[in-house]
Amino acid sequence: MKSRPVLRWWPAGLLLIAAVCAEAAFSAGGTAFTKRYKTSLLAEPNPQAKITGELGFARKVRVDQVQGNWLHISDSGIAGWVFVGSLSETKPDESKGLDGAPLLASNTTATAAARPLTDAAEEYSQRRNLGSASEDLNWLLNECSKLTPGEVESFLKTNRKGEYQ
């Protein structure tokens, strides 16, 4: 398949969008909701910190402290630090499909969208002559696999993206 250099940078673009959207106005004493399938609570405001607990999707939490783009939250005796992009000011819609992904494409997270196609999706694309979607996804996954975790982390740190803001 022909290389598309612009698509090589899609992970960075998603992180930039997430960083811009994450500028929510959380304050100590307020509440928030988890918006990830699993939200890891960290021992300190650092993406490399030890995980002290996990919370499920759409859990209401108390914001105990704000430190830049990091929030110390608590819920039912569990507490820890999370990056502001892991929380929402409003409760996320809990109407999801059997695989845990939202039913509406407009509500799909970047993480869910990046998953491989299911067998049913592959079959549907073949029935509808949409075979190039599968090829495009395979090309994209191949291009992404060329990036090492160290390269991604270095990019995030250098450009102060995501948790490194």
Protein backbone atom coordinates (compact mmCIF):
# COMPACT_ATOMS: atom_id res chain seq x y z
CA MET A 1 0.00 0.00 0.00
CA LYS A 2 1.18 3.51 -0.78
CA SER A 3 2.67 5.40 2.16
CA ARG A 4 0.81 8.42 3.49
CA PRO A 5 3.34 10.46 5.51
CA VAL A 6 0.70 12.75 7.03
CA LEU A 7 -0.99 9.80 8.73
CA ARG A 8 2.26 8.86 10.51
CA TRP A 9 1.64 11.77 12.86
CA TRP A 10 -1.97 10.91 13.76
CA PRO A 11 -1.07 9.86 17.34
CA ALA A 12 0.50 13.27 17.98
CA GLY A 13 -2.56 14.97 16.50
CA LEU A 14 -4.87 13.02 18.79
CA LEU A 15 -2.77 13.94 21.80
CA LEU A 16 -2.84 17.61 20.82
CA ILE A 17 -6.62 17.55 20.50
CA ALA A 18 -6.91 15.75 23.84
CA ALA A 19 -4.65 18.32 25.50
CA VAL A 20 -6.71 21.23 24.17
CA CYS A 21 -9.98 19.58 25.18
CA ALA A 22 -8.64 18.75 28.62
CA GLU A 23 -8.66 22.35 29.78
CA ALA A 24 -11.61 21.70 32.06
CA ALA A 25 -12.08 23.96 35.07
CA PHE A 26 -11.77 21.51 37.95
CA SER A 27 -11.36 22.87 41.46
CA ALA A 28 -10.56 21.40 44.87
CA GLY A 29 -13.73 20.36 46.67
CA GLY A 30 -15.58 19.84 43.40
CA THR A 31 -16.63 16.66 41.67
CA ALA A 32 -15.71 15.01 38.40
CA PHE A 33 -16.40 11.78 36.51
CA THR A 34 -13.98 9.22 35.15
CA LYS A 35 -14.16 8.96 31.37
CA ARG A 36 -11.86 6.02 30.69
CA TYR A 37 -12.75 2.33 30.75
CA LYS A 38 -10.23 2.07 33.60
CA THR A 39 -8.77 5.14 35.27
CA SER A 40 -5.50 4.43 37.08
CA LEU A 41 -4.84 6.35 40.28
CA LEU A 42 -1.18 7.25 40.76
CA ALA A 43 0.87 7.76 43.93
CA GLU A 44 2.11 11.14 42.70
CA PRO A 45 1.40 13.57 39.82
CA ASN A 46 3.77 11.85 37.40
CA PRO A 47 2.87 9.51 34.51
CA GLN A 48 5.61 7.09 35.66
CA ALA A 49 4.36 6.92 39.28
CA LYS A 50 3.21 3.73 40.98
CA ILE A 51 -0.46 2.84 40.42
CA THR A 52 -2.32 2.85 43.74
CA GLY A 53 -5.79 1.90 42.49
CA GLU A 54 -8.25 1.89 39.60
CA LEU A 55 -11.71 3.27 39.02
CA GLY A 56 -14.22 2.20 36.39
CA PHE A 57 -16.01 4.21 33.73
CA ALA A 58 -18.32 7.11 34.71
CA ARG A 59 -17.50 7.00 38.45
CA LYS A 60 -18.24 10.19 40.35
CA VAL A 61 -15.16 11.30 42.29
CA ARG A 62 -14.24 14.14 44.61
CA VAL A 63 -11.43 16.49 43.54
CA ASP A 64 -9.25 16.94 46.61
CA GLN A 65 -6.37 18.93 45.13
CA VAL A 66 -5.36 20.55 41.83
CA GLN A 67 -1.71 20.73 40.80
CA GLY A 68 -1.38 22.08 37.26
CA ASN A 69 -2.89 19.48 34.93
CA TRP A 70 -2.99 16.86 37.67
CA LEU A 71 -5.85 16.22 40.08
CA HIS A 72 -5.80 14.31 43.35
CA ILE A 73 -9.15 12.54 43.52
CA SER A 74 -10.90 10.20 45.94
CA ASP A 75 -13.85 7.84 45.92
CA SER A 76 -14.95 5.40 48.65
CA GLY A 77 -11.57 5.23 50.37
CA ILE A 78 -9.56 5.02 47.14
CA ALA A 79 -7.41 8.06 46.32
CA GLY A 80 -4.68 9.06 43.93
CA TRP A 81 -3.49 11.40 41.21
CA VAL A 82 -4.88 11.46 37.66
CA PHE A 83 -4.16 13.58 34.61
CA VAL A 84 -6.95 16.08 33.96
CA GLY A 85 -7.65 14.49 30.56
CA SER A 86 -8.89 11.33 32.31
CA LEU A 87 -11.84 13.13 33.89
CA SER A 88 -14.95 14.96 32.74
CA GLU A 89 -17.02 17.65 34.42
CA THR A 90 -20.19 15.90 33.29
CA LYS A 91 -21.14 12.25 33.58
CA PRO A 92 -20.26 10.36 30.38
CA ASP A 93 -22.99 8.46 28.55
CA GLU A 94 -22.99 4.88 29.76
CA SER A 95 -24.88 3.44 26.77
CA LYS A 96 -22.19 1.18 25.36
CA GLY A 97 -22.10 -1.89 23.16
CA LEU A 98 -21.15 -5.37 24.35
CA ASP A 99 -17.46 -4.74 23.67
CA GLY A 100 -17.45 -1.71 25.99
CA ALA A 101 -17.30 0.81 23.15
CA PRO A 102 -20.01 3.46 22.81
CA LEU A 103 -22.75 2.64 20.33
CA LEU A 104 -22.51 6.00 18.56
CA ALA A 105 -19.40 6.68 16.50
CA SER A 106 -19.47 10.32 17.64
CA ASN A 107 -18.96 9.12 21.22
CA THR A 108 -16.12 6.73 20.46
CA THR A 109 -12.85 7.48 22.23
CA ALA A 110 -9.51 7.52 20.43
CA THR A 111 -8.54 4.37 22.31
CA ALA A 112 -11.64 2.49 21.15
CA ALA A 113 -11.24 3.77 17.58
CA ALA A 114 -7.65 2.52 17.42
CA ARG A 115 -8.61 -1.08 18.21
CA PRO A 116 -8.41 -3.63 15.39
CA LEU A 117 -11.55 -4.40 13.44
CA THR A 118 -13.66 -7.26 14.79
CA ASP A 119 -14.42 -10.26 12.60
CA ALA A 120 -17.97 -8.96 12.15
CA ALA A 121 -16.66 -5.57 10.96
CA GLU A 122 -14.27 -7.28 8.54
CA GLU A 123 -17.15 -9.37 7.15
CA TYR A 124 -19.38 -6.29 6.81
CA SER A 125 -16.67 -4.33 4.97
CA GLN A 126 -16.21 -7.21 2.52
CA ARG A 127 -19.98 -7.53 1.90
CA ARG A 128 -20.21 -3.78 1.21
CA ASN A 129 -17.02 -3.64 -0.92
CA LEU A 130 -15.30 -1.54 1.73
CA GLY A 131 -12.17 -3.69 1.72
CA SER A 132 -9.84 -0.72 1.58
CA ALA A 133 -10.89 0.29 5.11
CA SER A 134 -9.29 -2.87 6.43
CA GLU A 135 -6.17 -2.33 4.31
CA ASP A 136 -5.95 1.28 5.47
CA LEU A 137 -6.23 0.22 9.10
CA ASN A 138 -3.56 -2.43 8.63
CA TRP A 139 -1.27 0.14 6.97
CA LEU A 140 -1.86 2.57 9.84
CA LEU A 141 -1.14 -0.08 12.47
CA ASN A 142 2.03 -1.07 10.60
CA GLU A 143 3.21 2.56 10.50
CA CYS A 144 2.45 3.03 14.20
CA SER A 145 4.34 -0.12 15.10
CA LYS A 146 7.48 1.53 13.71
CA LEU A 147 7.34 4.05 16.56
CA THR A 148 8.92 2.86 19.76
CA PRO A 149 7.40 3.72 23.15
CA GLY A 150 10.58 5.69 23.86
CA GLU A 151 10.09 7.82 20.73
CA VAL A 152 6.50 8.56 21.70
CA GLU A 153 7.46 9.43 25.28
CA SER A 154 10.32 11.63 24.05
CA PHE A 155 7.95 13.47 21.69
CA LEU A 156 5.44 14.02 24.50
CA LYS A 157 8.11 15.30 26.91
CA THR A 158 9.85 17.54 24.35
CA ASN A 159 6.59 19.09 23.16
CA ARG A 160 4.98 19.12 26.62
CA LYS A 161 1.95 17.10 25.55
CA GLY A 162 -0.44 14.89 27.52
CA GLU A 163 0.71 14.17 31.05
CA TYR A 164 3.95 16.13 30.46
CA GLN A 165 2.26 19.54 30.19
